[in-house]
Amino acid sequence: MNKLFLVFFVLFLFSCSNNRPSSSNIIPRDTLISLIVDLHIADVILLNPNVQSKISDISSNKLYQTILNNYHISKERFKKSMDYYASSPETLDSIYDIVIERLNLIESRWLTDSLSNL
């Protein structure tokens, strides 16, 4: 009876352990940051009416797949990595803090360049 209790206790402990997905084949944090920045830039491009009229034959899925291919990352690996980082909200928040910083920097550079060309 004690052995049975011990087995259930050990199983209970393992079931209460961190449910974070395995870190095998996870995209490194810095690479993921750059990838997310590029995906957000793609969103901006796709939402720009001037661009939409010129590239109407390019779907968002095709553009996202091209970006993933440039990083040599499959959709499955990207999803697995996002699930992995999302299992730790603090980590995902810190990743997005950097993504936002980079996007703000890109935007300010673009604005500066645009104004200097006037």
PDB file of N, CA and C in Angstrom:
ATOM      1  N   MET A   1       0.819  -1.187   0.000  1.00  0.00           N
ATOM      2  CA  MET A   1       0.000   0.000   0.000  1.00  0.00           C
ATOM      3  C   MET A   1       0.866   1.256   0.000  1.00  0.00           C
ATOM      4  N   ASN A   2       1.945   1.237   0.788  1.00  0.00           N
ATOM      5  CA  ASN A   2       2.850   2.385   0.830  1.00  0.00           C
ATOM      6  C   ASN A   2       3.522   2.616  -0.517  1.00  0.00           C
ATOM      7  N   LYS A   3       3.842   1.526  -1.206  1.00  0.00           N
ATOM      8  CA  LYS A   3       4.462   1.669  -2.533  1.00  0.00           C
ATOM      9  C   LYS A   3       3.485   2.304  -3.518  1.00  0.00           C
ATOM     10  N   LEU A   4       2.245   1.893  -3.437  1.00  0.00           N
ATOM     11  CA  LEU A   4       1.221   2.464  -4.307  1.00  0.00           C
ATOM     12  C   LEU A   4       1.048   3.953  -4.023  1.00  0.00           C
ATOM     13  N   PHE A   5       1.039   4.308  -2.755  1.00  0.00           N
ATOM     14  CA  PHE A   5       0.936   5.719  -2.372  1.00  0.00           C
ATOM     15  C   PHE A   5       2.143   6.499  -2.904  1.00  0.00           C
ATOM     16  N   LEU A   6       3.334   5.921  -2.780  1.00  0.00           N
ATOM     17  CA  LEU A   6       4.555   6.574  -3.253  1.00  0.00           C
ATOM     18  C   LEU A   6       4.499   6.785  -4.764  1.00  0.00           C
ATOM     19  N   VAL A   7       4.018   5.794  -5.502  1.00  0.00           N
ATOM     20  CA  VAL A   7       3.901   5.911  -6.957  1.00  0.00           C
ATOM     21  C   VAL A   7       2.945   7.045  -7.313  1.00  0.00           C
ATOM     22  N   PHE A   8       1.784   7.098  -6.661  1.00  0.00           N
ATOM     23  CA  PHE A   8       0.833   8.173  -6.934  1.00  0.00           C
ATOM     24  C   PHE A   8       1.395   9.535  -6.536  1.00  0.00           C
ATOM     25  N   PHE A   9       2.123   9.577  -5.450  1.00  0.00           N
ATOM     26  CA  PHE A   9       2.718  10.841  -5.001  1.00  0.00           C
ATOM     27  C   PHE A   9       3.742  11.342  -6.024  1.00  0.00           C
ATOM     28  N   VAL A  10       4.580  10.455  -6.518  1.00  0.00           N
ATOM     29  CA  VAL A  10       5.583  10.839  -7.518  1.00  0.00           C
ATOM     30  C   VAL A  10       4.900  11.290  -8.806  1.00  0.00           C
ATOM     31  N   LEU A  11       3.876  10.558  -9.232  1.00  0.00           N
ATOM     32  CA  LEU A  11       3.132  10.958 -10.429  1.00  0.00           C
ATOM     33  C   LEU A  11       2.474  12.322 -10.226  1.00  0.00           C
ATOM     34  N   PHE A  12       1.964  12.561  -9.048  1.00  0.00           N
ATOM     35  CA  PHE A  12       1.348  13.848  -8.741  1.00  0.00           C
ATOM     36  C   PHE A  12       2.386  14.962  -8.835  1.00  0.00           C
ATOM     37  N   LEU A  13       3.573  14.733  -8.284  1.00  0.00           N
ATOM     38  CA  LEU A  13       4.630  15.746  -8.345  1.00  0.00           C
ATOM     39  C   LEU A  13       5.009  16.064  -9.783  1.00  0.00           C
ATOM     40  N   PHE A  14       5.160  15.029 -10.610  1.00  0.00           N
ATOM     41  CA  PHE A  14       5.518  15.268 -12.009  1.00  0.00           C
ATOM     42  C   PHE A  14       4.393  15.976 -12.762  1.00  0.00           C
ATOM     43  N   SER A  15       3.162  15.656 -12.425  1.00  0.00           N
ATOM     44  CA  SER A  15       2.060  16.316 -13.114  1.00  0.00           C
ATOM     45  C   SER A  15       1.952  17.781 -12.719  1.00  0.00           C
ATOM     46  N   CYS A  16       2.457  18.152 -11.554  1.00  0.00           N
ATOM     47  CA  CYS A  16       2.424  19.539 -11.094  1.00  0.00           C
ATOM     48  C   CYS A  16       3.670  20.315 -11.503  1.00  0.00           C
ATOM     49  N   SER A  17       4.608  19.632 -12.098  1.00  0.00           N
ATOM     50  CA  SER A  17       5.840  20.310 -12.493  1.00  0.00           C
ATOM     51  C   SER A  17       5.562  21.252 -13.642  1.00  0.00           C
ATOM     52  N   ASN A  18       6.553  22.029 -13.988  1.00  0.00           N
ATOM     53  CA  ASN A  18       6.429  23.027 -15.047  1.00  0.00           C
ATOM     54  C   ASN A  18       5.961  22.352 -16.339  1.00  0.00           C
ATOM     55  N   ASN A  19       4.878  22.840 -16.904  1.00  0.00           N
ATOM     56  CA  ASN A  19       4.329  22.271 -18.137  1.00  0.00           C
ATOM     57  C   ASN A  19       4.888  22.948 -19.373  1.00  0.00           C
ATOM     58  N   ARG A  20       5.984  23.631 -19.238  1.00  0.00           N
ATOM     59  CA  ARG A  20       6.594  24.311 -20.368  1.00  0.00           C
ATOM     60  C   ARG A  20       7.027  23.278 -21.404  1.00  0.00           C
ATOM     61  N   PRO A  21       6.725  23.518 -22.671  1.00  0.00           N
ATOM     62  CA  PRO A  21       7.132  22.575 -23.714  1.00  0.00           C
ATOM     63  C   PRO A  21       8.648  22.404 -23.744  1.00  0.00           C
ATOM     64  N   SER A  22       9.061  21.323 -24.334  1.00  0.00           N
ATOM     65  CA  SER A  22      10.485  21.034 -24.445  1.00  0.00           C
ATOM     66  C   SER A  22      11.197  22.122 -25.247  1.00  0.00           C
ATOM     67  N   SER A  23      12.437  22.399 -24.859  1.00  0.00           N
ATOM     68  CA  SER A  23      13.189  23.452 -25.547  1.00  0.00           C
ATOM     69  C   SER A  23      13.971  22.937 -26.757  1.00  0.00           C
ATOM     70  N   SER A  24      13.785  21.665 -27.098  1.00  0.00           N
ATOM     71  CA  SER A  24      14.509  21.145 -28.246  1.00  0.00           C
ATOM     72  C   SER A  24      13.981  21.769 -29.537  1.00  0.00           C
ATOM     73  N   ASN A  25      14.891  22.190 -30.376  1.00  0.00           N
ATOM     74  CA  ASN A  25      14.574  22.778 -31.682  1.00  0.00           C
ATOM     75  C   ASN A  25      13.821  24.099 -31.582  1.00  0.00           C
ATOM     76  N   ILE A  26      13.997  24.805 -30.475  1.00  0.00           N
ATOM     77  CA  ILE A  26      13.357  26.100 -30.284  1.00  0.00           C
ATOM     78  C   ILE A  26      14.228  27.172 -30.946  1.00  0.00           C
ATOM     79  N   ILE A  27      13.593  28.126 -31.591  1.00  0.00           N
ATOM     80  CA  ILE A  27      14.309  29.228 -32.227  1.00  0.00           C
ATOM     81  C   ILE A  27      14.998  30.048 -31.137  1.00  0.00           C
ATOM     82  N   PRO A  28      16.283  30.336 -31.280  1.00  0.00           N
ATOM     83  CA  PRO A  28      16.966  31.162 -30.286  1.00  0.00           C
ATOM     84  C   PRO A  28      16.284  32.519 -30.140  1.00  0.00           C
ATOM     85  N   ARG A  29      16.325  33.046 -28.943  1.00  0.00           N
ATOM     86  CA  ARG A  29      15.621  34.284 -28.586  1.00  0.00           C
ATOM     87  C   ARG A  29      15.949  35.430 -29.543  1.00  0.00           C
ATOM     88  N   ASP A  30      17.220  35.674 -29.811  1.00  0.00           N
ATOM     89  CA  ASP A  30      17.619  36.788 -30.685  1.00  0.00           C
ATOM     90  C   ASP A  30      17.119  36.600 -32.113  1.00  0.00           C
ATOM     91  N   THR A  31      17.153  35.380 -32.588  1.00  0.00           N
ATOM     92  CA  THR A  31      16.638  35.093 -33.931  1.00  0.00           C
ATOM     93  C   THR A  31      15.133  35.303 -33.968  1.00  0.00           C
ATOM     94  N   LEU A  32      14.451  34.855 -32.923  1.00  0.00           N
ATOM     95  CA  LEU A  32      13.007  35.027 -32.866  1.00  0.00           C
ATOM     96  C   LEU A  32      12.634  36.509 -32.864  1.00  0.00           C
ATOM     97  N   ILE A  33      13.388  37.307 -32.143  1.00  0.00           N
ATOM     98  CA  ILE A  33      13.129  38.751 -32.106  1.00  0.00           C
ATOM     99  C   ILE A  33      13.220  39.333 -33.514  1.00  0.00           C
ATOM    100  N   SER A  34      14.287  39.028 -34.218  1.00  0.00           N
ATOM    101  CA  SER A  34      14.451  39.537 -35.588  1.00  0.00           C
ATOM    102  C   SER A  34      13.344  39.037 -36.506  1.00  0.00           C
ATOM    103  N   LEU A  35      12.981  37.793 -36.349  1.00  0.00           N
ATOM    104  CA  LEU A  35      11.918  37.202 -37.169  1.00  0.00           C
ATOM    105  C   LEU A  35      10.584  37.899 -36.918  1.00  0.00           C
ATOM    106  N   ILE A  36      10.248  38.130 -35.662  1.00  0.00           N
ATOM    107  CA  ILE A  36       8.983  38.803 -35.330  1.00  0.00           C
ATOM    108  C   ILE A  36       8.983  40.231 -35.869  1.00  0.00           C
ATOM    109  N   VAL A  37      10.121  40.915 -35.771  1.00  0.00           N
ATOM    110  CA  VAL A  37      10.220  42.265 -36.337  1.00  0.00           C
ATOM    111  C   VAL A  37       9.911  42.211 -37.834  1.00  0.00           C
ATOM    112  N   ASP A  38      10.526  41.279 -38.534  1.00  0.00           N
ATOM    113  CA  ASP A  38      10.285  41.162 -39.977  1.00  0.00           C
ATOM    114  C   ASP A  38       8.820  40.832 -40.291  1.00  0.00           C
ATOM    115  N   LEU A  39       8.205  39.981 -39.473  1.00  0.00           N
ATOM    116  CA  LEU A  39       6.797  39.647 -39.698  1.00  0.00           C
ATOM    117  C   LEU A  39       5.903  40.870 -39.485  1.00  0.00           C
ATOM    118  N   HIS A  40       6.235  41.692 -38.504  1.00  0.00           N
ATOM    119  CA  HIS A  40       5.447  42.911 -38.277  1.00  0.00           C
ATOM    120  C   HIS A  40       5.656  43.928 -39.404  1.00  0.00           C
ATOM    121  N   ILE A  41       6.850  44.009 -39.908  1.00  0.00           N
ATOM    122  CA  ILE A  41       7.099  44.888 -41.056  1.00  0.00           C
ATOM    123  C   ILE A  41       6.290  44.404 -42.258  1.00  0.00           C
ATOM    124  N   ALA A  42       6.220  43.091 -42.428  1.00  0.00           N
ATOM    125  CA  ALA A  42       5.405  42.532 -43.517  1.00  0.00           C
ATOM    126  C   ALA A  42       3.946  42.922 -43.344  1.00  0.00           C
ATOM    127  N   ASP A  43       3.463  42.906 -42.107  1.00  0.00           N
ATOM    128  CA  ASP A  43       2.079  43.326 -41.854  1.00  0.00           C
ATOM    129  C   ASP A  43       1.859  44.771 -42.279  1.00  0.00           C
ATOM    130  N   VAL A  44       2.799  45.640 -41.948  1.00  0.00           N
ATOM    131  CA  VAL A  44       2.685  47.052 -42.312  1.00  0.00           C
ATOM    132  C   VAL A  44       2.654  47.194 -43.831  1.00  0.00           C
ATOM    133  N   ILE A  45       3.524  46.468 -44.486  1.00  0.00           N
ATOM    134  CA  ILE A  45       3.569  46.521 -45.955  1.00  0.00           C
ATOM    135  C   ILE A  45       2.242  46.054 -46.545  1.00  0.00           C
ATOM    136  N   LEU A  46       1.728  44.960 -46.030  1.00  0.00           N
ATOM    137  CA  LEU A  46       0.479  44.410 -46.568  1.00  0.00           C
ATOM    138  C   LEU A  46      -0.721  45.302 -46.297  1.00  0.00           C
ATOM    139  N   LEU A  47      -0.659  46.087 -45.239  1.00  0.00           N
ATOM    140  CA  LEU A  47      -1.784  46.960 -44.900  1.00  0.00           C
ATOM    141  C   LEU A  47      -1.708  48.327 -45.567  1.00  0.00           C
ATOM    142  N   ASN A  48      -0.588  48.627 -46.206  1.00  0.00           N
ATOM    143  CA  ASN A  48      -0.415  49.912 -46.879  1.00  0.00           C
ATOM    144  C   ASN A  48      -1.174  49.887 -48.203  1.00  0.00           C
ATOM    145  N   PRO A  49      -2.167  50.784 -48.367  1.00  0.00           N
ATOM    146  CA  PRO A  49      -2.970  50.770 -49.602  1.00  0.00           C
ATOM    147  C   PRO A  49      -2.143  50.975 -50.865  1.00  0.00           C
ATOM    148  N   ASN A  50      -1.089  51.788 -50.799  1.00  0.00           N
ATOM    149  CA  ASN A  50      -0.244  52.000 -51.980  1.00  0.00           C
ATOM    150  C   ASN A  50       0.461  50.721 -52.394  1.00  0.00           C
ATOM    151  N   VAL A  51       0.855  49.954 -51.424  1.00  0.00           N
ATOM    152  CA  VAL A  51       1.544  48.695 -51.715  1.00  0.00           C
ATOM    153  C   VAL A  51       0.551  47.635 -52.156  1.00  0.00           C
ATOM    154  N   GLN A  52      -0.599  47.607 -51.512  1.00  0.00           N
ATOM    155  CA  GLN A  52      -1.620  46.603 -51.850  1.00  0.00           C
ATOM    156  C   GLN A  52      -1.978  46.626 -53.329  1.00  0.00           C
ATOM    157  N   SER A  53      -2.082  47.802 -53.882  1.00  0.00           N
ATOM    158  CA  SER A  53      -2.465  47.898 -55.296  1.00  0.00           C
ATOM    159  C   SER A  53      -1.371  47.376 -56.223  1.00  0.00           C
ATOM    160  N   LYS A  54      -0.133  47.421 -55.768  1.00  0.00           N
ATOM    161  CA  LYS A  54       0.984  46.988 -56.610  1.00  0.00           C
ATOM    162  C   LYS A  54       1.314  45.507 -56.450  1.00  0.00           C
ATOM    163  N   ILE A  55       0.984  44.946 -55.301  1.00  0.00           N
ATOM    164  CA  ILE A  55       1.325  43.537 -55.063  1.00  0.00           C
ATOM    165  C   ILE A  55       0.091  42.733 -54.686  1.00  0.00           C
ATOM    166  N   SER A  56      -0.992  42.975 -55.354  1.00  0.00           N
ATOM    167  CA  SER A  56      -2.249  42.320 -55.008  1.00  0.00           C
ATOM    168  C   SER A  56      -2.175  40.803 -55.136  1.00  0.00           C
ATOM    169  N   ASP A  57      -1.218  40.316 -55.906  1.00  0.00           N
ATOM    170  CA  ASP A  57      -1.111  38.872 -56.100  1.00  0.00           C
ATOM    171  C   ASP A  57      -0.325  38.187 -54.981  1.00  0.00           C
ATOM    172  N   ILE A  58       0.211  38.951 -54.051  1.00  0.00           N
ATOM    173  CA  ILE A  58       0.971  38.362 -52.942  1.00  0.00           C
ATOM    174  C   ILE A  58       0.072  38.273 -51.717  1.00  0.00           C
ATOM    175  N   SER A  59      -0.123  37.059 -51.232  1.00  0.00           N
ATOM    176  CA  SER A  59      -0.949  36.878 -50.034  1.00  0.00           C
ATOM    177  C   SER A  59      -0.077  37.011 -48.792  1.00  0.00           C
ATOM    178  N   SER A  60      -0.720  37.269 -47.678  1.00  0.00           N
ATOM    179  CA  SER A  60       0.028  37.378 -46.427  1.00  0.00           C
ATOM    180  C   SER A  60       0.716  36.056 -46.105  1.00  0.00           C
ATOM    181  N   ASN A  61       0.038  34.949 -46.362  1.00  0.00           N
ATOM    182  CA  ASN A  61       0.662  33.648 -46.085  1.00  0.00           C
ATOM    183  C   ASN A  61       1.921  33.434 -46.909  1.00  0.00           C
ATOM    184  N   LYS A  62       1.866  33.860 -48.155  1.00  0.00           N
ATOM    185  CA  LYS A  62       3.035  33.702 -49.028  1.00  0.00           C
ATOM    186  C   LYS A  62       4.190  34.574 -48.527  1.00  0.00           C
ATOM    187  N   LEU A  63       3.881  35.796 -48.114  1.00  0.00           N
ATOM    188  CA  LEU A  63       4.917  36.692 -47.609  1.00  0.00           C
ATOM    189  C   LEU A  63       5.502  36.160 -46.303  1.00  0.00           C
ATOM    190  N   TYR A  64       4.633  35.706 -45.392  1.00  0.00           N
ATOM    191  CA  TYR A  64       5.117  35.140 -44.126  1.00  0.00           C
ATOM    192  C   TYR A  64       5.992  33.916 -44.383  1.00  0.00           C
ATOM    193  N   GLN A  65       5.567  33.075 -45.327  1.00  0.00           N
ATOM    194  CA  GLN A  65       6.357  31.880 -45.636  1.00  0.00           C
ATOM    195  C   GLN A  65       7.719  32.253 -46.204  1.00  0.00           C
ATOM    196  N   THR A  66       7.769  33.307 -47.017  1.00  0.00           N
ATOM    197  CA  THR A  66       9.041  33.776 -47.563  1.00  0.00           C
ATOM    198  C   THR A  66       9.968  34.233 -46.445  1.00  0.00           C
ATOM    199  N   ILE A  67       9.406  34.940 -45.479  1.00  0.00           N
ATOM    200  CA  ILE A  67      10.216  35.407 -44.344  1.00  0.00           C
ATOM    201  C   ILE A  67      10.726  34.216 -43.541  1.00  0.00           C
ATOM    202  N   LEU A  68       9.852  33.269 -43.251  1.00  0.00           N
ATOM    203  CA  LEU A  68      10.285  32.069 -42.523  1.00  0.00           C
ATOM    204  C   LEU A  68      11.374  31.329 -43.296  1.00  0.00           C
ATOM    205  N   ASN A  69      11.213  31.234 -44.608  1.00  0.00           N
ATOM    206  CA  ASN A  69      12.222  30.562 -45.436  1.00  0.00           C
ATOM    207  C   ASN A  69      13.569  31.281 -45.371  1.00  0.00           C
ATOM    208  N   ASN A  70      13.540  32.613 -45.334  1.00  0.00           N
ATOM    209  CA  ASN A  70      14.793  33.371 -45.225  1.00  0.00           C
ATOM    210  C   ASN A  70      15.546  33.047 -43.942  1.00  0.00           C
ATOM    211  N   TYR A  71      14.806  32.686 -42.906  1.00  0.00           N
ATOM    212  CA  TYR A  71      15.417  32.308 -41.630  1.00  0.00           C
ATOM    213  C   TYR A  71      15.645  30.797 -41.535  1.00  0.00           C
ATOM    214  N   HIS A  72      15.245  30.069 -42.569  1.00  0.00           N
ATOM    215  CA  HIS A  72      15.355  28.608 -42.598  1.00  0.00           C
ATOM    216  C   HIS A  72      14.566  27.989 -41.441  1.00  0.00           C
ATOM    217  N   ILE A  73      13.338  28.494 -41.255  1.00  0.00           N
ATOM    218  CA  ILE A  73      12.483  28.050 -40.157  1.00  0.00           C
ATOM    219  C   ILE A  73      11.135  27.633 -40.734  1.00  0.00           C
ATOM    220  N   SER A  74      10.660  26.475 -40.321  1.00  0.00           N
ATOM    221  CA  SER A  74       9.346  25.999 -40.779  1.00  0.00           C
ATOM    222  C   SER A  74       8.247  26.638 -39.931  1.00  0.00           C
ATOM    223  N   LYS A  75       7.021  26.604 -40.481  1.00  0.00           N
ATOM    224  CA  LYS A  75       5.878  27.119 -39.719  1.00  0.00           C
ATOM    225  C   LYS A  75       5.714  26.337 -38.422  1.00  0.00           C
ATOM    226  N   GLU A  76       5.957  25.043 -38.487  1.00  0.00           N
ATOM    227  CA  GLU A  76       5.812  24.199 -37.310  1.00  0.00           C
ATOM    228  C   GLU A  76       6.830  24.579 -36.231  1.00  0.00           C
ATOM    229  N   ARG A  77       8.061  24.830 -36.640  1.00  0.00           N
ATOM    230  CA  ARG A  77       9.091  25.219 -35.677  1.00  0.00           C
ATOM    231  C   ARG A  77       8.778  26.598 -35.077  1.00  0.00           C
ATOM    232  N   PHE A  78       8.275  27.503 -35.916  1.00  0.00           N
ATOM    233  CA  PHE A  78       7.896  28.822 -35.428  1.00  0.00           C
ATOM    234  C   PHE A  78       6.776  28.701 -34.393  1.00  0.00           C
ATOM    235  N   LYS A  79       5.758  27.911 -34.712  1.00  0.00           N
ATOM    236  CA  LYS A  79       4.642  27.725 -33.784  1.00  0.00           C
ATOM    237  C   LYS A  79       5.119  27.082 -32.490  1.00  0.00           C
ATOM    238  N   LYS A  80       5.949  26.056 -32.602  1.00  0.00           N
ATOM    239  CA  LYS A  80       6.476  25.374 -31.415  1.00  0.00           C
ATOM    240  C   LYS A  80       7.277  26.355 -30.557  1.00  0.00           C
ATOM    241  N   SER A  81       8.062  27.186 -31.201  1.00  0.00           N
ATOM    242  CA  SER A  81       8.871  28.166 -30.468  1.00  0.00           C
ATOM    243  C   SER A  81       7.987  29.210 -29.787  1.00  0.00           C
ATOM    244  N   MET A  82       6.970  29.677 -30.492  1.00  0.00           N
ATOM    245  CA  MET A  82       6.060  30.654 -29.888  1.00  0.00           C
ATOM    246  C   MET A  82       5.326  30.041 -28.700  1.00  0.00           C
ATOM    247  N   ASP A  83       4.908  28.786 -28.833  1.00  0.00           N
ATOM    248  CA  ASP A  83       4.268  28.096 -27.708  1.00  0.00           C
ATOM    249  C   ASP A  83       5.231  27.989 -26.529  1.00  0.00           C
ATOM    250  N   TYR A  84       6.485  27.676 -26.840  1.00  0.00           N
ATOM    251  CA  TYR A  84       7.504  27.547 -25.802  1.00  0.00           C
ATOM    252  C   TYR A  84       7.683  28.875 -25.054  1.00  0.00           C
ATOM    253  N   TYR A  85       7.884  29.958 -25.794  1.00  0.00           N
ATOM    254  CA  TYR A  85       8.101  31.257 -25.153  1.00  0.00           C
ATOM    255  C   TYR A  85       6.826  31.770 -24.479  1.00  0.00           C
ATOM    256  N   ALA A  86       5.664  31.447 -25.029  1.00  0.00           N
ATOM    257  CA  ALA A  86       4.395  31.884 -24.436  1.00  0.00           C
ATOM    258  C   ALA A  86       4.115  31.172 -23.111  1.00  0.00           C
ATOM    259  N   SER A  87       4.752  30.036 -22.906  1.00  0.00           N
ATOM    260  CA  SER A  87       4.551  29.337 -21.636  1.00  0.00           C
ATOM    261  C   SER A  87       5.215  30.073 -20.480  1.00  0.00           C
ATOM    262  N   SER A  88       6.035  31.068 -20.808  1.00  0.00           N
ATOM    263  CA  SER A  88       6.642  31.940 -19.803  1.00  0.00           C
ATOM    264  C   SER A  88       6.306  33.382 -20.194  1.00  0.00           C
ATOM    265  N   PRO A  89       5.188  33.895 -19.711  1.00  0.00           N
ATOM    266  CA  PRO A  89       4.750  35.230 -20.128  1.00  0.00           C
ATOM    267  C   PRO A  89       5.804  36.326 -19.930  1.00  0.00           C
ATOM    268  N   GLU A  90       6.599  36.225 -18.880  1.00  0.00           N
ATOM    269  CA  GLU A  90       7.632  37.240 -18.651  1.00  0.00           C
ATOM    270  C   GLU A  90       8.661  37.224 -19.779  1.00  0.00           C
ATOM    271  N   THR A  91       9.012  36.036 -20.227  1.00  0.00           N
ATOM    272  CA  THR A  91       9.985  35.911 -21.313  1.00  0.00           C
ATOM    273  C   THR A  91       9.409  36.467 -22.611  1.00  0.00           C
ATOM    274  N   LEU A  92       8.165  36.112 -22.897  1.00  0.00           N
ATOM    275  CA  LEU A  92       7.534  36.605 -24.118  1.00  0.00           C
ATOM    276  C   LEU A  92       7.368  38.123 -24.066  1.00  0.00           C
ATOM    277  N   ASP A  93       7.027  38.648 -22.897  1.00  0.00           N
ATOM    278  CA  ASP A  93       6.924  40.107 -22.738  1.00  0.00           C
ATOM    279  C   ASP A  93       8.264  40.780 -23.008  1.00  0.00           C
ATOM    280  N   SER A  94       9.339  40.198 -22.499  1.00  0.00           N
ATOM    281  CA  SER A  94      10.663  40.802 -22.719  1.00  0.00           C
ATOM    282  C   SER A  94      11.055  40.734 -24.187  1.00  0.00           C
ATOM    283  N   ILE A  95      10.660  39.670 -24.874  1.00  0.00           N
ATOM    284  CA  ILE A  95      10.921  39.551 -26.306  1.00  0.00           C
ATOM    285  C   ILE A  95      10.166  40.654 -27.047  1.00  0.00           C
ATOM    286  N   TYR A  96       8.892  40.828 -26.713  1.00  0.00           N
ATOM    287  CA  TYR A  96       8.095  41.846 -27.403  1.00  0.00           C
ATOM    288  C   TYR A  96       8.520  43.263 -27.042  1.00  0.00           C
ATOM    289  N   ASP A  97       9.075  43.457 -25.855  1.00  0.00           N
ATOM    290  CA  ASP A  97       9.620  44.780 -25.518  1.00  0.00           C
ATOM    291  C   ASP A  97      10.730  45.153 -26.501  1.00  0.00           C
ATOM    292  N   ILE A  98      11.582  44.198 -26.801  1.00  0.00           N
ATOM    293  CA  ILE A  98      12.686  44.448 -27.741  1.00  0.00           C
ATOM    294  C   ILE A  98      12.152  44.606 -29.160  1.00  0.00           C
ATOM    295  N   VAL A  99      11.161  43.789 -29.524  1.00  0.00           N
ATOM    296  CA  VAL A  99      10.543  43.912 -30.850  1.00  0.00           C
ATOM    297  C   VAL A  99       9.981  45.320 -31.031  1.00  0.00           C
ATOM    298  N   ILE A 100       9.271  45.806 -30.028  1.00  0.00           N
ATOM    299  CA  ILE A 100       8.682  47.145 -30.100  1.00  0.00           C
ATOM    300  C   ILE A 100       9.769  48.214 -30.184  1.00  0.00           C
ATOM    301  N   GLU A 101      10.840  48.054 -29.411  1.00  0.00           N
ATOM    302  CA  GLU A 101      11.963  49.014 -29.490  1.00  0.00           C
ATOM    303  C   GLU A 101      12.528  49.067 -30.901  1.00  0.00           C
ATOM    304  N   ARG A 102      12.737  47.895 -31.491  1.00  0.00           N
ATOM    305  CA  ARG A 102      13.310  47.848 -32.847  1.00  0.00           C
ATOM    306  C   ARG A 102      12.367  48.449 -33.875  1.00  0.00           C
ATOM    307  N   LEU A 103      11.079  48.140 -33.752  1.00  0.00           N
ATOM    308  CA  LEU A 103      10.114  48.702 -34.694  1.00  0.00           C
ATOM    309  C   LEU A 103      10.032  50.214 -34.557  1.00  0.00           C
ATOM    310  N   ASN A 104      10.092  50.715 -33.330  1.00  0.00           N
ATOM    311  CA  ASN A 104      10.097  52.170 -33.116  1.00  0.00           C
ATOM    312  C   ASN A 104      11.337  52.808 -33.725  1.00  0.00           C
ATOM    313  N   LEU A 105      12.474  52.154 -33.599  1.00  0.00           N
ATOM    314  CA  LEU A 105      13.715  52.657 -34.184  1.00  0.00           C
ATOM    315  C   LEU A 105      13.621  52.684 -35.707  1.00  0.00           C
ATOM    316  N   ILE A 106      13.091  51.632 -36.282  1.00  0.00           N
ATOM    317  CA  ILE A 106      12.924  51.570 -37.744  1.00  0.00           C
ATOM    318  C   ILE A 106      11.983  52.677 -38.206  1.00  0.00           C
ATOM    319  N   GLU A 107      10.893  52.860 -37.476  1.00  0.00           N
ATOM    320  CA  GLU A 107       9.937  53.905 -37.838  1.00  0.00           C
ATOM    321  C   GLU A 107      10.580  55.289 -37.751  1.00  0.00           C
ATOM    322  N   SER A 108      11.335  55.544 -36.691  1.00  0.00           N
ATOM    323  CA  SER A 108      11.954  56.871 -36.554  1.00  0.00           C
ATOM    324  C   SER A 108      12.999  57.104 -37.634  1.00  0.00           C
ATOM    325  N   ARG A 109      13.747  56.067 -38.004  1.00  0.00           N
ATOM    326  CA  ARG A 109      14.715  56.202 -39.105  1.00  0.00           C
ATOM    327  C   ARG A 109      13.997  56.492 -40.419  1.00  0.00           C
ATOM    328  N   TRP A 110      12.886  55.795 -40.654  1.00  0.00           N
ATOM    329  CA  TRP A 110      12.125  56.004 -41.874  1.00  0.00           C
ATOM    330  C   TRP A 110      11.600  57.440 -41.924  1.00  0.00           C
ATOM    331  N   LEU A 111      11.065  57.910 -40.805  1.00  0.00           N
ATOM    332  CA  LEU A 111      10.545  59.282 -40.754  1.00  0.00           C
ATOM    333  C   LEU A 111      11.658  60.295 -40.983  1.00  0.00           C
ATOM    334  N   THR A 112      12.803  60.071 -40.384  1.00  0.00           N
ATOM    335  CA  THR A 112      13.941  60.967 -40.561  1.00  0.00           C
ATOM    336  C   THR A 112      14.380  60.983 -42.026  1.00  0.00           C
ATOM    337  N   ASP A 113      14.481  59.799 -42.607  1.00  0.00           N
ATOM    338  CA  ASP A 113      14.862  59.726 -44.027  1.00  0.00           C
ATOM    339  C   ASP A 113      13.823  60.393 -44.915  1.00  0.00           C
ATOM    340  N   SER A 114      12.546  60.201 -44.603  1.00  0.00           N
ATOM    341  CA  SER A 114      11.476  60.794 -45.401  1.00  0.00           C
ATOM    342  C   SER A 114      11.522  62.319 -45.326  1.00  0.00           C
ATOM    343  N   LEU A 115      11.756  62.837 -44.148  1.00  0.00           N
ATOM    344  CA  LEU A 115      11.805  64.282 -43.972  1.00  0.00           C
ATOM    345  C   LEU A 115      13.038  64.889 -44.627  1.00  0.00           C
ATOM    346  N   SER A 116      14.129  64.164 -44.622  1.00  0.00           N
ATOM    347  CA  SER A 116      15.342  64.699 -45.234  1.00  0.00           C
ATOM    348  C   SER A 116      15.249  64.723 -46.753  1.00  0.00           C
ATOM    349  N   ASN A 117      14.340  63.943 -47.325  1.00  0.00           N
ATOM    350  CA  ASN A 117      14.157  63.913 -48.769  1.00  0.00           C
ATOM    351  C   ASN A 117      13.162  64.939 -49.276  1.00  0.00           C
ATOM    352  N   LEU A 118      12.598  65.722 -48.364  1.00  0.00           N
ATOM    353  CA  LEU A 118      11.624  66.750 -48.798  1.00  0.00           C
ATOM    354  C   LEU A 118      12.267  67.933 -49.422  1.00  0.00           C
TER     355      LEU A 118
END
